[in-house]
Amino acid sequence: MTITLLVVSTTTSTTTAAPPSRCSGAHVIEFLKYLDQFGKTKVHITGCPYFGHPNPPAPCACPLKQAWGSLDALIGRLRAAYEENGGRPESNPFGARAVRIYLREVRESQAKARVDAAASSSGVLGTGGSGDGGSGSGDAAGGASTAGVGPPTTTT
């Protein structure tokens, strides 16, 4: 059950209601972690014999996660949508410092683990045709972050 509180201004004869911010950077990070269960990118853990190898010769039990590029592109789109719909940039939970740090850590850990991006025909997150959420499979192993810079660009 969700309870929404409204702040009512009594200084004028008309009543103005403004909902408080209900989403924080911590909520965004929790959502990104939730999305990992739908990921198609194998991220080798430190103890895996294939850690650091991009194409392992045999299967392993390492978890599937969302590729960094997919998460980065999603956050970029959500950040832009928040601001396009009247949200102030300084209160944008998708541009929070904690979210940028989390995305940087995901990018670095996936680059270090030399992730194995699975080939698929449809992405869980994206609208792009590359199959990994619309950001291209090259983003999973590194590249420049666009978190906190602006909306992502789409390449065809």
Protein backbone atom coordinates (compact mmCIF):
# COMPACT_ATOMS: atom_id res chain seq x y z
CA MET A 1 0.00 0.00 0.00
CA THR A 2 1.37 3.39 -0.99
CA ILE A 3 0.46 6.52 0.90
CA THR A 4 0.99 9.83 -0.86
CA LEU A 5 1.24 12.94 1.24
CA LEU A 6 0.32 16.27 -0.27
CA VAL A 7 1.65 19.63 0.81
CA VAL A 8 -1.14 22.19 0.67
CA SER A 9 -0.35 25.86 0.42
CA THR A 10 -2.63 28.04 2.53
CA THR A 11 -1.05 31.38 1.64
CA THR A 12 -3.38 32.02 -1.30
CA SER A 13 -7.05 31.47 -1.90
CA THR A 14 -6.34 28.61 -4.31
CA THR A 15 -5.05 25.27 -3.08
CA THR A 16 -1.81 24.01 -4.60
CA ALA A 17 -0.71 20.44 -4.07
CA ALA A 18 2.82 19.22 -4.75
CA PRO A 19 3.81 15.60 -4.18
CA PRO A 20 7.10 15.13 -2.33
CA SER A 21 9.97 13.29 -3.97
CA ARG A 22 9.36 9.60 -3.34
CA CYS A 23 12.36 8.16 -5.12
CA SER A 24 16.01 8.38 -4.09
CA GLY A 25 19.31 7.21 -5.53
CA ALA A 26 19.11 4.21 -3.17
CA HIS A 27 15.78 3.21 -4.74
CA VAL A 28 17.31 3.48 -8.22
CA ILE A 29 20.25 1.26 -7.22
CA GLU A 30 17.85 -1.27 -5.69
CA PHE A 31 15.96 -1.32 -9.00
CA LEU A 32 19.17 -1.83 -11.01
CA LYS A 33 20.14 -4.77 -8.78
CA TYR A 34 16.64 -6.23 -9.26
CA LEU A 35 17.12 -6.08 -13.04
CA ASP A 36 20.18 -8.36 -12.80
CA GLN A 37 17.91 -11.40 -12.52
CA PHE A 38 16.84 -10.77 -16.13
CA GLY A 39 20.40 -10.29 -17.41
CA LYS A 40 22.01 -12.25 -20.21
CA THR A 41 25.62 -11.30 -19.54
CA LYS A 42 27.76 -13.81 -17.64
CA VAL A 43 29.95 -12.00 -15.13
CA HIS A 44 32.69 -14.28 -13.82
CA ILE A 45 33.27 -14.10 -10.08
CA THR A 46 36.78 -13.77 -8.67
CA GLY A 47 37.11 -17.48 -7.79
CA CYS A 48 35.99 -18.71 -11.21
CA PRO A 49 38.70 -20.41 -13.29
CA TYR A 50 37.50 -18.31 -16.26
CA PHE A 51 37.76 -14.96 -14.44
CA GLY A 52 39.47 -12.56 -16.84
CA HIS A 53 38.80 -14.70 -19.93
CA PRO A 54 36.25 -13.28 -22.39
CA ASN A 55 35.34 -16.60 -24.04
CA PRO A 56 35.49 -19.51 -21.58
CA PRO A 57 35.91 -22.97 -23.14
CA ALA A 58 33.31 -24.56 -20.85
CA PRO A 59 30.21 -23.46 -18.92
CA CYS A 60 30.54 -22.19 -15.37
CA ALA A 61 28.15 -21.34 -12.53
CA CYS A 62 28.82 -17.60 -12.54
CA PRO A 63 25.74 -15.37 -12.42
CA LEU A 64 24.02 -13.70 -15.35
CA LYS A 65 23.65 -9.95 -14.94
CA GLN A 66 22.62 -6.92 -16.92
CA ALA A 67 25.41 -5.53 -19.07
CA TRP A 68 26.81 -2.21 -17.87
CA GLY A 69 25.95 -0.54 -21.18
CA SER A 70 22.30 -1.54 -20.85
CA LEU A 71 22.08 -0.12 -17.33
CA ASP A 72 23.89 3.05 -18.32
CA ALA A 73 21.59 3.61 -21.30
CA LEU A 74 18.49 2.98 -19.20
CA ILE A 75 19.57 5.45 -16.51
CA GLY A 76 20.36 8.02 -19.19
CA ARG A 77 16.86 7.69 -20.66
CA LEU A 78 15.20 7.84 -17.24
CA ARG A 79 17.25 10.89 -16.24
CA ALA A 80 16.23 12.71 -19.41
CA ALA A 81 12.56 11.72 -19.03
CA TYR A 82 12.52 12.96 -15.42
CA GLU A 83 13.78 16.38 -16.44
CA GLU A 84 11.63 16.58 -19.60
CA ASN A 85 8.57 16.08 -17.40
CA GLY A 86 9.31 18.99 -15.09
CA GLY A 87 11.71 17.45 -12.59
CA ARG A 88 14.56 19.64 -11.38
CA PRO A 89 18.03 18.36 -12.29
CA GLU A 90 19.28 18.78 -8.70
CA SER A 91 16.51 16.51 -7.37
CA ASN A 92 16.75 13.89 -10.14
CA PRO A 93 17.24 10.50 -8.43
CA PHE A 94 18.58 8.99 -11.68
CA GLY A 95 21.45 11.48 -11.67
CA ALA A 96 22.30 11.00 -8.00
CA ARG A 97 25.96 10.64 -7.08
CA ALA A 98 25.34 7.18 -5.59
CA VAL A 99 23.86 5.98 -8.90
CA ARG A 100 26.86 7.29 -10.88
CA ILE A 101 29.23 5.56 -8.45
CA TYR A 102 27.26 2.30 -8.67
CA LEU A 103 27.35 2.37 -12.49
CA ARG A 104 31.10 3.04 -12.43
CA GLU A 105 31.63 0.07 -10.10
CA VAL A 106 29.53 -2.19 -12.35
CA ARG A 107 31.51 -1.08 -15.41
CA GLU A 108 34.86 -1.67 -13.71
CA SER A 109 33.89 -5.06 -12.27
CA GLN A 110 32.56 -6.27 -15.62
CA ALA A 111 35.68 -5.06 -17.42
CA LYS A 112 37.89 -6.83 -14.87
CA ALA A 113 35.88 -10.06 -15.13
CA ARG A 114 35.95 -9.92 -18.95
CA VAL A 115 32.22 -10.54 -19.24
CA ASP A 116 30.77 -13.01 -21.71
CA ALA A 117 27.80 -11.30 -23.38
CA ALA A 118 25.21 -13.82 -24.53
CA ALA A 119 23.89 -13.48 -28.06
CA SER A 120 20.17 -12.88 -28.06
CA SER A 121 17.58 -11.52 -30.41
CA SER A 122 15.69 -9.28 -27.98
CA GLY A 123 16.86 -7.21 -25.03
CA VAL A 124 15.02 -7.02 -21.72
CA LEU A 125 15.64 -3.32 -21.21
CA GLY A 126 16.11 -1.72 -24.53
CA THR A 127 14.62 -0.49 -27.68
CA GLY A 128 17.73 -1.00 -29.79
CA GLY A 129 18.19 -3.83 -32.21
CA SER A 130 21.53 -5.06 -30.86
CA GLY A 131 19.93 -7.56 -28.46
CA ASP A 132 21.59 -6.38 -25.27
CA GLY A 133 19.27 -3.60 -24.30
CA GLY A 134 20.09 -1.25 -27.13
CA SER A 135 23.60 -0.22 -26.22
CA GLY A 136 25.79 -2.62 -28.20
CA SER A 137 27.69 -5.56 -26.75
CA GLY A 138 30.95 -3.61 -26.67
CA ASP A 139 29.71 -1.52 -23.75
CA ALA A 140 29.75 -4.51 -21.41
CA ALA A 141 33.53 -4.62 -21.25
CA GLY A 142 34.25 -0.94 -20.80
CA GLY A 143 34.17 2.37 -22.56
CA ALA A 144 33.40 5.88 -21.51
CA SER A 145 30.55 6.42 -19.10
CA THR A 146 27.74 8.77 -20.01
CA ALA A 147 26.19 8.63 -16.51
CA GLY A 148 25.51 12.14 -15.34
CA VAL A 149 26.42 13.67 -18.72
CA GLY A 150 23.27 13.50 -20.82
CA PRO A 151 20.95 11.15 -22.64
CA PRO A 152 22.64 8.28 -24.48
CA THR A 153 23.05 8.34 -28.22
CA THR A 154 21.74 5.51 -30.37
CA THR A 155 24.00 3.98 -32.99
CA THR A 156 22.73 1.88 -35.87
